[in-house]
Amino acid sequence: MSLGCKYGTHRVIEPVGAMPQTAQKINNDMSILYDNEILVDVIALNVDSASFTQIEQEAGGDVQKIGAKILEIVAARGKQQNPVTGSGGMLIGKVAKIGSALKDRDLKVGDKIASLVSLSLTPLKINKILKVHPEIDRVEIDGQAILFESGIYAKLPSDMDEGLALAALDVAGAPAQAAKLVKPGDSVLVLGAGGKSGLLCLYESMKRAGPTGRVVANIHSERSRKVIQDLKIAHEIVVGDATKPVDLMNAVLKANKGREFDIAITCVNIAGCEMASILPVRDGGTVYFFSMATSFTRAALGAEGIGKDVNMIIGNGYTKDHAEITLWELRENPALRKVFEENYVK
């Protein structure tokens, strides 16, 4: 077989000329393997939190309907890309075949890997949904996927359960960005702090801000308070609705002793939380939108409308060394690792 485009445009069906992520439909014929592609036997999908929440709500919480909706999306698009949120997720699986042009990679048939590129651009074929785990946004399947030459992946580590590694790698971009953004002495607000990405960002922010910094966790309900308190990964915890920006701003500023924040990190999985992230941040500060439920139009126009000069970062799920940084957090903090094992491993 010949070489395809390293970015996967050879798999795009419509519209012609689009990239695989923005395409409405891509070719998921697994009988074709280009010389610069990797074929993976898929074990499980970790669906993006915003996407899974939307599908679950549409399905009324019925796991059969959730599975049916995922099958419908993949059949229509050739990939798992939620047509409402536009987001996907990631997968774990075993390497089935490696294209001849990629033989020099540190990878062999049979290796277990996690994809570190979105399912929203990954050719995917699902033969059967085996089990849906709504509590952790995970779907076990019988199927196959293609990784392009440019696609990044991580070999699953030998020192932790594959479910644990998958749970962490699914959100690896968030804590790794926090590691880059947070400096000693910074005050940091993490919205949606009770989920996987939120907990990891709190931990990384506490570590990076140091003894002169301050970290405030926003959670939607009391359910997550004890976990955060026991882990000692926030100075203050504020229960509040991030879709009510002024109310939340007043509450989190009070928790920060009346000072505006240097950095806000948004890990919420519902829409309409842009202004709650922007309002509490000082001019010249940074807002990192990790959540794929974010409307970047609402964020940009909203900041303009209130005269806020803040740096806004799109939630790129990739940053250099993000897999290594995130897995290391679980290795260096046994208590945090235990929380992930108890809540996100099935």
Protein backbone atom coordinates (compact mmCIF):
# COMPACT_ATOMS: atom_id res chain seq x y z
CA MET A 1 0.00 0.00 0.00
CA SER A 2 1.19 3.54 -0.72
CA LEU A 3 1.91 6.33 1.75
CA GLY A 4 -1.01 8.43 2.93
CA CYS A 5 -0.84 12.02 4.15
CA LYS A 6 0.88 12.03 7.54
CA TYR A 7 -2.07 14.02 8.93
CA GLY A 8 -4.67 11.60 7.60
CA THR A 9 -6.33 13.69 4.90
CA HIS A 10 -6.29 10.67 2.58
CA ARG A 11 -9.04 9.19 4.79
CA VAL A 12 -11.35 12.19 4.44
CA ILE A 13 -14.53 11.52 2.45
CA GLU A 14 -16.35 14.82 2.93
CA PRO A 15 -15.79 17.65 2.58
CA VAL A 16 -12.85 17.07 0.27
CA GLY A 17 -9.77 18.98 1.42
CA ALA A 18 -10.77 19.02 5.11
CA MET A 19 -8.65 17.72 7.96
CA PRO A 20 -9.88 14.49 9.60
CA GLN A 21 -11.03 16.29 12.74
CA THR A 22 -13.20 18.83 10.92
CA ALA A 23 -14.46 16.35 8.31
CA GLN A 24 -18.08 15.23 8.43
CA LYS A 25 -17.12 11.72 7.32
CA ILE A 26 -13.89 9.76 7.08
CA ASN A 27 -12.99 6.35 5.66
CA ASN A 28 -12.96 3.72 8.40
CA ASP A 29 -12.30 0.72 6.15
CA MET A 30 -9.93 -1.36 8.28
CA SER A 31 -9.08 -3.72 5.41
CA ILE A 32 -6.96 -0.89 4.00
CA LEU A 33 -3.74 -0.01 5.84
CA TYR A 34 -1.46 2.63 4.35
CA ASP A 35 2.29 2.25 4.86
CA ASN A 36 2.33 5.10 7.38
CA GLU A 37 -0.65 3.98 9.49
CA ILE A 38 -1.00 1.81 12.59
CA LEU A 39 -3.93 -0.58 13.02
CA VAL A 40 -5.18 -1.03 16.57
CA ASP A 41 -7.53 -3.63 18.02
CA VAL A 42 -9.56 -1.45 20.36
CA ILE A 43 -10.34 -2.55 23.91
CA ALA A 44 -12.14 0.52 25.23
CA LEU A 45 -13.05 4.10 24.44
CA ASN A 46 -12.85 6.85 27.03
CA VAL A 47 -15.39 9.31 25.66
CA ASP A 48 -14.71 12.99 26.31
CA SER A 49 -16.61 14.08 29.44
CA ALA A 50 -18.58 16.85 27.73
CA SER A 51 -19.50 14.49 24.90
CA PHE A 52 -20.51 11.60 27.16
CA THR A 53 -22.59 13.90 29.37
CA GLN A 54 -24.48 15.17 26.32
CA ILE A 55 -25.08 11.64 24.98
CA GLU A 56 -26.14 10.39 28.41
CA GLN A 57 -28.63 13.23 28.80
CA GLU A 58 -30.03 12.62 25.32
CA ALA A 59 -30.39 8.92 26.15
CA GLY A 60 -32.06 9.63 29.48
CA GLY A 61 -29.32 7.67 31.24
CA ASP A 62 -30.26 4.42 29.47
CA VAL A 63 -27.01 2.50 28.80
CA GLN A 64 -28.50 0.67 25.81
CA LYS A 65 -29.43 3.97 24.20
CA ILE A 66 -25.99 5.39 25.00
CA GLY A 67 -24.37 2.47 23.19
CA ALA A 68 -26.80 2.79 20.29
CA LYS A 69 -26.02 6.49 19.93
CA ILE A 70 -22.29 5.84 19.82
CA LEU A 71 -22.81 3.16 17.16
CA GLU A 72 -24.94 5.63 15.19
CA ILE A 73 -22.29 8.35 15.33
CA VAL A 74 -19.47 6.04 14.24
CA ALA A 75 -21.56 4.55 11.43
CA ALA A 76 -22.37 8.02 10.11
CA ARG A 77 -18.96 9.66 10.52
CA GLY A 78 -16.41 6.86 10.54
CA LYS A 79 -15.16 8.21 13.88
CA GLN A 80 -16.47 8.91 17.38
CA GLN A 81 -17.18 12.63 17.12
CA ASN A 82 -20.21 13.93 18.97
CA PRO A 83 -22.13 16.10 16.46
CA VAL A 84 -23.31 18.39 19.29
CA THR A 85 -20.06 19.00 21.20
CA GLY A 86 -17.66 18.23 18.32
CA SER A 87 -15.41 16.33 20.74
CA GLY A 88 -14.35 12.70 20.90
CA GLY A 89 -12.17 11.11 23.56
CA MET A 90 -9.38 8.54 23.34
CA LEU A 91 -8.87 4.78 23.22
CA ILE A 92 -6.79 1.92 24.52
CA GLY A 93 -6.01 -1.13 22.47
CA LYS A 94 -3.39 -3.56 21.16
CA VAL A 95 -1.27 -2.86 18.12
CA ALA A 96 -2.47 -5.22 15.35
CA LYS A 97 -0.36 -4.05 12.39
CA ILE A 98 2.30 -1.43 11.76
CA GLY A 99 2.74 0.12 8.32
CA SER A 100 6.12 -0.58 6.69
CA ALA A 101 7.10 3.11 6.80
CA LEU A 102 6.78 3.15 10.59
CA LYS A 103 8.80 0.04 11.40
CA ASP A 104 11.56 2.09 13.03
CA ARG A 105 9.28 3.20 15.85
CA ASP A 106 9.66 1.86 19.38
CA LEU A 107 6.51 -0.18 18.91
CA LYS A 108 5.67 -3.78 18.10
CA VAL A 109 2.58 -5.82 17.33
CA GLY A 110 0.86 -6.76 20.57
CA ASP A 111 1.87 -3.65 22.50
CA LYS A 112 -0.92 -2.10 24.54
CA ILE A 113 -1.22 1.61 23.86
CA ALA A 114 -3.43 4.58 24.64
CA SER A 115 -4.09 7.03 21.85
CA LEU A 116 -3.22 10.59 22.75
CA VAL A 117 -5.12 12.07 19.82
CA SER A 118 -8.85 12.66 19.82
CA LEU A 119 -11.39 10.11 18.66
CA SER A 120 -12.88 13.04 16.74
CA LEU A 121 -10.21 12.48 14.06
CA THR A 122 -9.46 8.76 14.49
CA PRO A 123 -10.91 6.29 11.95
CA LEU A 124 -12.92 3.84 14.06
CA LYS A 125 -14.94 0.71 13.30
CA ILE A 126 -17.13 -0.76 16.05
CA ASN A 127 -18.26 -4.36 15.59
CA LYS A 128 -20.00 -4.53 18.95
CA ILE A 129 -20.52 -2.53 22.13
CA LEU A 130 -19.56 -4.86 24.97
CA LYS A 131 -20.29 -2.70 28.01
CA VAL A 132 -21.02 0.93 28.89
CA HIS A 133 -19.69 2.42 32.13
CA PRO A 134 -21.56 5.74 32.53
CA GLU A 135 -19.93 6.53 35.85
CA ILE A 136 -16.50 6.79 34.21
CA ASP A 137 -17.45 7.74 30.61
CA ARG A 138 -15.98 4.49 29.32
CA VAL A 139 -17.23 2.09 26.65
CA GLU A 140 -15.77 -1.37 26.14
CA ILE A 141 -15.96 -2.42 22.49
CA ASP A 142 -14.95 -4.98 19.91
CA GLY A 143 -13.53 -2.87 17.12
CA GLN A 144 -10.52 -1.40 15.36
CA ALA A 145 -9.00 2.01 14.81
CA ILE A 146 -6.31 3.66 12.70
CA LEU A 147 -3.56 5.93 13.99
CA PHE A 148 -2.00 8.25 11.44
CA GLU A 149 1.73 8.91 11.15
CA SER A 150 1.31 12.19 13.06
CA GLY A 151 -0.82 10.55 15.76
CA ILE A 152 0.69 10.40 19.22
CA TYR A 153 0.24 7.52 21.63
CA ALA A 154 1.65 6.17 24.88
CA LYS A 155 2.57 2.61 25.72
CA LEU A 156 0.61 1.59 28.78
CA PRO A 157 2.93 1.54 31.81
CA SER A 158 3.76 -1.75 33.50
CA ASP A 159 3.46 -0.36 37.03
CA MET A 160 -0.26 0.45 36.98
CA ASP A 161 -3.58 -1.03 35.92
CA GLU A 162 -4.51 -0.20 32.32
CA GLY A 163 -7.82 1.30 33.50
CA LEU A 164 -5.95 3.61 35.84
CA ALA A 165 -3.55 4.69 33.09
CA LEU A 166 -6.46 5.26 30.71
CA ALA A 167 -8.33 7.40 33.24
CA ALA A 168 -5.28 9.62 33.73
CA LEU A 169 -4.16 9.80 30.10
CA ASP A 170 -7.68 10.75 29.03
CA VAL A 171 -7.17 14.16 30.65
CA ALA A 172 -3.38 14.40 30.45
CA GLY A 173 -3.39 17.77 28.72
CA ALA A 174 -4.97 19.55 31.68
CA PRO A 175 -2.46 18.92 34.50
CA ALA A 176 0.46 19.21 32.10
CA GLN A 177 -0.76 22.67 31.04
CA ALA A 178 -1.21 23.56 34.72
CA ALA A 179 2.41 22.55 35.28
CA LYS A 180 3.46 25.02 32.56
CA LEU A 181 1.17 27.87 33.54
CA VAL A 182 1.28 28.01 37.35
CA LYS A 183 4.24 29.82 38.90
CA PRO A 184 5.34 30.21 42.54
CA GLY A 185 3.07 32.63 44.38
CA ASP A 186 0.18 32.43 41.88
CA SER A 187 -3.42 32.35 42.96
CA VAL A 188 -5.30 29.69 41.00
CA LEU A 189 -8.99 28.93 40.57
CA VAL A 190 -9.99 25.47 39.30
CA LEU A 191 -13.60 25.22 38.16
CA GLY A 192 -15.13 21.75 37.98
CA ALA A 193 -12.49 20.62 40.44
CA GLY A 194 -14.17 17.37 41.52
CA GLY A 195 -13.56 15.34 38.36
CA LYS A 196 -10.45 13.66 36.99
CA SER A 197 -8.94 16.68 35.28
CA GLY A 198 -9.92 18.97 38.14
CA LEU A 199 -8.25 16.85 40.82
CA LEU A 200 -5.06 16.53 38.79
CA CYS A 201 -5.00 20.29 38.11
CA LEU A 202 -5.51 21.07 41.80
CA TYR A 203 -2.61 18.81 42.73
CA GLU A 204 -0.31 20.28 40.10
CA SER A 205 -1.35 23.86 40.98
CA MET A 206 -0.63 23.35 44.69
CA LYS A 207 2.77 21.92 43.83
CA ARG A 208 3.69 24.70 41.39
CA ALA A 209 2.22 27.67 43.30
CA GLY A 210 4.12 26.65 46.42
CA PRO A 211 3.78 27.99 49.95
CA THR A 212 3.19 31.58 48.82
CA GLY A 213 0.46 30.68 46.33
CA ARG A 214 -3.23 30.04 46.86
CA VAL A 215 -5.48 27.46 45.20
CA VAL A 216 -9.27 27.62 45.29
CA ALA A 217 -11.41 24.68 44.14
CA ASN A 218 -14.89 25.21 42.74
CA ILE A 219 -17.20 22.20 42.88
CA HIS A 220 -20.85 21.93 41.92
CA SER A 221 -21.98 19.94 44.96
CA GLU A 222 -20.74 18.86 48.37
CA ARG A 223 -20.04 15.36 47.07
CA SER A 224 -16.44 16.17 46.12
CA ARG A 225 -15.52 18.22 49.19
CA LYS A 226 -14.19 15.39 51.37
CA VAL A 227 -11.95 13.99 48.61
CA ILE A 228 -10.31 17.38 48.02
CA GLN A 229 -9.96 18.05 51.75
CA ASP A 230 -8.43 14.63 52.44
CA LEU A 231 -5.95 15.06 49.57
CA LYS A 232 -5.03 18.56 50.84
CA ILE A 233 -4.93 19.91 47.27
CA ALA A 234 -6.76 23.22 47.79
CA HIS A 235 -6.66 26.03 50.32
CA GLU A 236 -10.37 26.76 49.96
CA ILE A 237 -13.34 24.91 48.47
CA VAL A 238 -16.31 26.80 47.06
CA VAL A 239 -19.56 25.04 46.19
CA GLY A 240 -21.21 27.01 43.40
CA ASP A 241 -22.88 26.91 40.01
CA ALA A 242 -20.47 27.97 37.25
CA THR A 243 -23.39 28.84 34.98
CA LYS A 244 -24.16 31.74 37.35
CA PRO A 245 -21.04 33.84 36.81
CA VAL A 246 -21.60 36.84 39.10
CA ASP A 247 -22.66 34.72 42.07
CA LEU A 248 -19.68 32.43 41.59
CA MET A 249 -17.29 35.35 41.12
CA ASN A 250 -18.34 36.84 44.46
CA ALA A 251 -17.92 33.50 46.23
CA VAL A 252 -14.49 32.62 44.83
CA LEU A 253 -13.09 36.14 45.30
CA LYS A 254 -14.12 35.97 48.94
CA ALA A 255 -12.27 32.64 49.19
CA ASN A 256 -9.21 34.35 47.67
CA LYS A 257 -9.32 37.11 50.28
CA GLY A 258 -10.84 39.61 47.86
CA ARG A 259 -8.04 39.34 45.28
CA GLU A 260 -8.58 38.50 41.64
CA PHE A 261 -6.91 35.31 40.45
CA ASP A 262 -3.78 35.02 38.35
CA ILE A 263 -5.05 31.87 36.65
CA ALA A 264 -8.38 30.10 36.17
CA ILE A 265 -8.53 26.52 34.88
CA THR A 266 -11.91 25.33 33.60
CA CYS A 267 -12.62 21.60 33.85
CA VAL A 268 -16.43 21.74 33.86
CA ASN A 269 -18.27 19.36 31.52
CA ILE A 270 -21.35 21.48 30.81
CA ALA A 271 -21.91 24.52 28.61
CA GLY A 272 -22.29 28.12 29.71
CA CYS A 273 -19.40 28.46 32.16
CA GLU A 274 -17.16 30.79 30.19
CA MET A 275 -17.90 34.00 32.10
CA ALA A 276 -17.56 32.33 35.51
CA SER A 277 -14.00 31.54 34.43
CA ILE A 278 -13.19 35.02 33.11
CA LEU A 279 -14.79 37.32 35.67
CA PRO A 280 -12.60 36.41 38.68
CA VAL A 281 -9.29 36.73 36.79
CA ARG A 282 -7.16 39.89 36.89
CA ASP A 283 -6.24 41.87 33.77
CA GLY A 284 -3.16 40.22 32.32
CA GLY A 285 -4.09 36.92 33.95
CA THR A 286 -4.71 33.60 32.20
CA VAL A 287 -7.83 31.52 31.64
CA TYR A 288 -7.24 27.96 30.48
CA PHE A 289 -10.37 26.34 29.03
CA PHE A 290 -9.73 22.60 29.19
CA SER A 291 -13.43 21.76 28.89
CA MET A 292 -14.69 20.84 25.42
CA ALA A 293 -18.09 22.24 26.44
CA THR A 294 -16.58 25.72 26.08
CA SER A 295 -17.83 28.11 23.41
CA PHE A 296 -14.82 30.10 22.40
CA THR A 297 -17.10 32.63 20.73
CA ARG A 298 -18.88 33.21 24.03
CA ALA A 299 -15.55 33.44 25.82
CA ALA A 300 -14.01 35.96 23.41
CA LEU A 301 -17.07 38.18 23.09
CA GLY A 302 -17.86 37.87 26.77
CA ALA A 303 -14.39 39.03 27.82
CA GLU A 304 -14.64 41.91 25.38
CA GLY A 305 -18.07 42.83 26.71
CA ILE A 306 -16.85 43.26 30.30
CA GLY A 307 -13.54 44.88 29.33
CA LYS A 308 -11.33 42.03 30.57
CA ASP A 309 -7.85 41.84 29.07
CA VAL A 310 -7.05 38.23 29.88
CA ASN A 311 -5.03 35.61 28.03
CA MET A 312 -7.35 32.80 27.00
CA ILE A 313 -5.93 29.40 26.12
CA ILE A 314 -7.88 26.82 24.15
CA GLY A 315 -7.99 23.43 25.82
CA ASN A 316 -5.45 21.68 23.63
CA GLY A 317 -5.34 18.12 24.90
CA TYR A 318 -1.68 17.90 23.99
CA THR A 319 1.34 19.62 25.43
CA LYS A 320 4.92 18.39 25.49
CA ASP A 321 5.47 15.44 27.86
CA HIS A 322 1.84 15.52 29.02
CA ALA A 323 1.56 11.73 29.38
CA GLU A 324 4.72 11.46 31.48
CA ILE A 325 3.75 14.41 33.70
CA THR A 326 0.28 13.05 34.39
CA LEU A 327 1.30 9.47 35.12
CA TRP A 328 4.07 10.74 37.38
CA GLU A 329 1.50 12.61 39.47
CA LEU A 330 -0.17 9.31 40.30
CA ARG A 331 3.18 7.72 41.08
CA GLU A 332 4.32 10.48 43.43
CA ASN A 333 0.99 10.83 45.28
CA PRO A 334 -0.33 7.47 46.53
CA ALA A 335 -3.46 9.08 48.00
CA LEU A 336 -4.40 10.66 44.67
CA ARG A 337 -3.68 7.37 42.91
CA LYS A 338 -5.99 5.56 45.34
CA VAL A 339 -8.82 8.01 44.57
CA PHE A 340 -8.42 7.28 40.85
CA GLU A 341 -8.27 3.54 41.46
CA GLU A 342 -11.43 3.60 43.57
CA ASN A 343 -13.45 5.85 41.28
CA TYR A 344 -12.22 5.42 37.71
CA VAL A 345 -11.05 1.81 37.39
CA LYS A 346 -13.50 -0.96 36.49
